[in-house]
Amino acid sequence: MSNILKRKILTSILSSVLFALIFSVLTGFDMNAFLNLYYLNFLFVVTYGVITSIFSDWLSKKIFNASTNREIASFLFHCLFGSVLKELSLVSAVSFFIIDRVLTKAEIRWWSVNTALSVIVLIFIIAINIDFQ
């Protein structure tokens, strides 16, 4: 469970960056918009997203034995739980699923998760004191 939690937390960080990049570039990149999208998405993903992702993976393992069917079911569960807030959260859920599956092949240690979280907090502290225009 510890490895899963590490992977899911790191996935939430990376998928939030991807989500914020996608939607801030579509509207013309603005640093304030990027940071707002990132932190808002990160708060939802690190709470609701991590829990539902763990549940989706667990449920798909209980229902299906074949690996391919499990992945498809898990993807559909991610999409179902991610569609709560319509298109925005669905994009976030799909990016979370893809990044999570890529990270399953990597060995993640707690120091990398702690470093990533520390960088997020540091950037947040700096960003609230700087007016990007």
C-alpha atoms as a PDB file:
ATOM      1  CA  MET A   1       0.000   0.000   0.000  1.00  0.00           C
ATOM      2  CA  SER A   2       2.902   2.340   0.702  1.00  0.00           C
ATOM      3  CA  ASN A   3       4.185   2.040  -2.873  1.00  0.00           C
ATOM      4  CA  ILE A   4       0.720   2.706  -4.229  1.00  0.00           C
ATOM      5  CA  LEU A   5       0.296   5.792  -2.053  1.00  0.00           C
ATOM      6  CA  LYS A   6       3.696   7.181  -3.077  1.00  0.00           C
ATOM      7  CA  ARG A   7       2.877   6.635  -6.735  1.00  0.00           C
ATOM      8  CA  LYS A   8      -0.589   8.178  -6.438  1.00  0.00           C
ATOM      9  CA  ILE A   9       0.694  11.300  -4.653  1.00  0.00           C
ATOM     10  CA  LEU A  10       3.435  11.812  -7.229  1.00  0.00           C
ATOM     11  CA  THR A  11       0.884  11.184  -9.974  1.00  0.00           C
ATOM     12  CA  SER A  12      -1.380  13.859  -8.511  1.00  0.00           C
ATOM     13  CA  ILE A  13       1.483  16.361  -8.607  1.00  0.00           C
ATOM     14  CA  LEU A  14       2.449  15.576 -12.196  1.00  0.00           C
ATOM     15  CA  SER A  15      -1.095  15.307 -13.539  1.00  0.00           C
ATOM     16  CA  SER A  16      -1.960  18.665 -11.979  1.00  0.00           C
ATOM     17  CA  VAL A  17       0.976  20.260 -13.799  1.00  0.00           C
ATOM     18  CA  LEU A  18      -0.169  18.688 -17.067  1.00  0.00           C
ATOM     19  CA  PHE A  19      -3.774  19.775 -16.466  1.00  0.00           C
ATOM     20  CA  ALA A  20      -2.748  23.360 -15.714  1.00  0.00           C
ATOM     21  CA  LEU A  21      -0.482  23.465 -18.768  1.00  0.00           C
ATOM     22  CA  ILE A  22      -3.198  22.184 -21.076  1.00  0.00           C
ATOM     23  CA  PHE A  23      -5.813  24.685 -19.972  1.00  0.00           C
ATOM     24  CA  SER A  24      -3.526  27.680 -19.489  1.00  0.00           C
ATOM     25  CA  VAL A  25      -1.936  27.242 -22.930  1.00  0.00           C
ATOM     26  CA  LEU A  26      -5.356  26.965 -24.596  1.00  0.00           C
ATOM     27  CA  THR A  27      -6.309  30.403 -23.294  1.00  0.00           C
ATOM     28  CA  GLY A  28      -2.934  32.030 -23.909  1.00  0.00           C
ATOM     29  CA  PHE A  29      -0.381  31.272 -21.219  1.00  0.00           C
ATOM     30  CA  ASP A  30      -0.729  33.421 -18.129  1.00  0.00           C
ATOM     31  CA  MET A  31       1.303  32.588 -15.031  1.00  0.00           C
ATOM     32  CA  ASN A  32      -1.506  33.568 -12.641  1.00  0.00           C
ATOM     33  CA  ALA A  33      -3.972  31.351 -14.501  1.00  0.00           C
ATOM     34  CA  PHE A  34      -1.470  28.498 -14.545  1.00  0.00           C
ATOM     35  CA  LEU A  35      -0.809  28.682 -10.803  1.00  0.00           C
ATOM     36  CA  ASN A  36      -4.501  29.027  -9.965  1.00  0.00           C
ATOM     37  CA  LEU A  37      -5.409  26.057 -12.151  1.00  0.00           C
ATOM     38  CA  TYR A  38      -2.537  24.024 -10.762  1.00  0.00           C
ATOM     39  CA  TYR A  39      -3.275  24.539  -7.077  1.00  0.00           C
ATOM     40  CA  LEU A  40      -7.036  24.226  -7.461  1.00  0.00           C
ATOM     41  CA  ASN A  41      -6.676  21.005  -9.431  1.00  0.00           C
ATOM     42  CA  PHE A  42      -3.991  19.688  -7.076  1.00  0.00           C
ATOM     43  CA  LEU A  43      -6.256  20.118  -4.046  1.00  0.00           C
ATOM     44  CA  PHE A  44      -9.036  18.121  -5.692  1.00  0.00           C
ATOM     45  CA  VAL A  45      -6.739  15.460  -7.106  1.00  0.00           C
ATOM     46  CA  VAL A  46      -4.683  14.865  -3.970  1.00  0.00           C
ATOM     47  CA  THR A  47      -7.857  14.334  -1.928  1.00  0.00           C
ATOM     48  CA  TYR A  48     -10.699  13.029  -4.072  1.00  0.00           C
ATOM     49  CA  GLY A  49      -8.578  11.784  -6.980  1.00  0.00           C
ATOM     50  CA  VAL A  50      -6.110   9.684  -5.017  1.00  0.00           C
ATOM     51  CA  ILE A  51      -8.857   7.990  -3.014  1.00  0.00           C
ATOM     52  CA  THR A  52     -11.023   7.228  -6.045  1.00  0.00           C
ATOM     53  CA  SER A  53      -8.008   6.048  -8.030  1.00  0.00           C
ATOM     54  CA  ILE A  54      -7.041   3.564  -5.332  1.00  0.00           C
ATOM     55  CA  PHE A  55     -10.671   2.437  -5.178  1.00  0.00           C
ATOM     56  CA  SER A  56     -10.877   2.148  -8.998  1.00  0.00           C
ATOM     57  CA  ASP A  57      -7.768  -0.012  -9.145  1.00  0.00           C
ATOM     58  CA  TRP A  58      -8.963  -2.177  -6.255  1.00  0.00           C
ATOM     59  CA  LEU A  59     -12.433  -2.619  -7.755  1.00  0.00           C
ATOM     60  CA  SER A  60     -11.099  -3.524 -11.192  1.00  0.00           C
ATOM     61  CA  LYS A  61      -8.809  -6.151  -9.619  1.00  0.00           C
ATOM     62  CA  LYS A  62     -11.756  -7.665  -7.761  1.00  0.00           C
ATOM     63  CA  ILE A  63     -13.946  -7.817 -10.878  1.00  0.00           C
ATOM     64  CA  PHE A  64     -11.479  -8.970 -13.561  1.00  0.00           C
ATOM     65  CA  ASN A  65      -8.646 -11.486 -13.631  1.00  0.00           C
ATOM     66  CA  ALA A  66      -7.169 -10.634 -17.031  1.00  0.00           C
ATOM     67  CA  SER A  67      -4.725  -7.731 -17.021  1.00  0.00           C
ATOM     68  CA  THR A  68      -6.169  -6.070 -20.132  1.00  0.00           C
ATOM     69  CA  ASN A  69      -9.718  -6.170 -18.795  1.00  0.00           C
ATOM     70  CA  ARG A  70      -8.501  -4.807 -15.468  1.00  0.00           C
ATOM     71  CA  GLU A  71      -6.822  -1.835 -17.147  1.00  0.00           C
ATOM     72  CA  ILE A  72      -9.881  -1.062 -19.262  1.00  0.00           C
ATOM     73  CA  ALA A  73     -12.175  -1.302 -16.236  1.00  0.00           C
ATOM     74  CA  SER A  74      -9.850   0.855 -14.164  1.00  0.00           C
ATOM     75  CA  PHE A  75      -9.749   3.466 -16.938  1.00  0.00           C
ATOM     76  CA  LEU A  76     -13.552   3.481 -17.139  1.00  0.00           C
ATOM     77  CA  PHE A  77     -13.834   3.826 -13.354  1.00  0.00           C
ATOM     78  CA  HIS A  78     -11.349   6.715 -13.441  1.00  0.00           C
ATOM     79  CA  CYS A  79     -13.463   8.369 -16.141  1.00  0.00           C
ATOM     80  CA  LEU A  80     -16.675   7.745 -14.215  1.00  0.00           C
ATOM     81  CA  PHE A  81     -15.362   9.208 -10.972  1.00  0.00           C
ATOM     82  CA  GLY A  82     -13.577  11.954 -12.889  1.00  0.00           C
ATOM     83  CA  SER A  83     -16.696  13.092 -14.705  1.00  0.00           C
ATOM     84  CA  VAL A  84     -18.207  14.477 -11.496  1.00  0.00           C
ATOM     85  CA  LEU A  85     -17.385  18.050 -12.511  1.00  0.00           C
ATOM     86  CA  LYS A  86     -17.891  17.540 -16.260  1.00  0.00           C
ATOM     87  CA  GLU A  87     -15.138  18.116 -18.833  1.00  0.00           C
ATOM     88  CA  LEU A  88     -12.520  19.723 -16.629  1.00  0.00           C
ATOM     89  CA  SER A  89     -12.384  16.926 -14.123  1.00  0.00           C
ATOM     90  CA  LEU A  90     -12.603  14.293 -16.865  1.00  0.00           C
ATOM     91  CA  VAL A  91      -9.439  15.677 -18.487  1.00  0.00           C
ATOM     92  CA  SER A  92      -7.780  15.615 -15.082  1.00  0.00           C
ATOM     93  CA  ALA A  93      -8.875  12.007 -14.477  1.00  0.00           C
ATOM     94  CA  VAL A  94      -7.603  10.800 -17.855  1.00  0.00           C
ATOM     95  CA  SER A  95      -4.238  12.519 -17.389  1.00  0.00           C
ATOM     96  CA  PHE A  96      -4.044  11.081 -13.863  1.00  0.00           C
ATOM     97  CA  PHE A  97      -4.710   7.567 -15.189  1.00  0.00           C
ATOM     98  CA  ILE A  98      -2.093   7.848 -17.956  1.00  0.00           C
ATOM     99  CA  ILE A  99       0.622   9.244 -15.683  1.00  0.00           C
ATOM    100  CA  ASP A 100      -0.205   6.674 -13.000  1.00  0.00           C
ATOM    101  CA  ARG A 101       0.238   3.838 -15.473  1.00  0.00           C
ATOM    102  CA  VAL A 102       3.554   5.272 -16.679  1.00  0.00           C
ATOM    103  CA  LEU A 103       4.779   5.561 -13.073  1.00  0.00           C
ATOM    104  CA  THR A 104       3.907   1.932 -12.284  1.00  0.00           C
ATOM    105  CA  LYS A 105       7.134   0.995 -14.049  1.00  0.00           C
ATOM    106  CA  ALA A 106       9.229   3.353 -11.899  1.00  0.00           C
ATOM    107  CA  GLU A 107      10.407   2.741  -8.371  1.00  0.00           C
ATOM    108  CA  ILE A 108       9.350   5.735  -6.311  1.00  0.00           C
ATOM    109  CA  ARG A 109      10.874   6.562  -2.957  1.00  0.00           C
ATOM    110  CA  TRP A 110       9.440   8.782  -0.255  1.00  0.00           C
ATOM    111  CA  TRP A 111      12.250  11.319  -0.662  1.00  0.00           C
ATOM    112  CA  SER A 112      11.128  12.031  -4.233  1.00  0.00           C
ATOM    113  CA  VAL A 113       7.531  12.534  -3.094  1.00  0.00           C
ATOM    114  CA  ASN A 114       8.649  14.750  -0.202  1.00  0.00           C
ATOM    115  CA  THR A 115      10.904  16.751  -2.524  1.00  0.00           C
ATOM    116  CA  ALA A 116       8.068  17.287  -4.996  1.00  0.00           C
ATOM    117  CA  LEU A 117       5.698  18.370  -2.223  1.00  0.00           C
ATOM    118  CA  SER A 118       8.349  20.728  -0.820  1.00  0.00           C
ATOM    119  CA  VAL A 119       8.829  22.319  -4.238  1.00  0.00           C
ATOM    120  CA  ILE A 120       5.059  22.822  -4.513  1.00  0.00           C
ATOM    121  CA  VAL A 121       4.896  24.542  -1.131  1.00  0.00           C
ATOM    122  CA  LEU A 122       7.936  26.693  -1.927  1.00  0.00           C
ATOM    123  CA  ILE A 123       6.531  27.790  -5.289  1.00  0.00           C
ATOM    124  CA  PHE A 124       3.191  28.546  -3.638  1.00  0.00           C
ATOM    125  CA  ILE A 125       4.843  30.735  -0.995  1.00  0.00           C
ATOM    126  CA  ILE A 126       6.839  32.575  -3.653  1.00  0.00           C
ATOM    127  CA  ALA A 127       3.846  32.910  -5.994  1.00  0.00           C
ATOM    128  CA  ILE A 128       1.557  34.503  -3.416  1.00  0.00           C
ATOM    129  CA  ASN A 129       4.165  37.204  -2.876  1.00  0.00           C
ATOM    130  CA  ILE A 130       4.774  37.965  -6.568  1.00  0.00           C
ATOM    131  CA  ASP A 131       2.306  39.646  -8.888  1.00  0.00           C
ATOM    132  CA  PHE A 132       2.677  38.068 -12.329  1.00  0.00           C
ATOM    133  CA  GLN A 133       1.507  40.442 -15.045  1.00  0.00           C
END
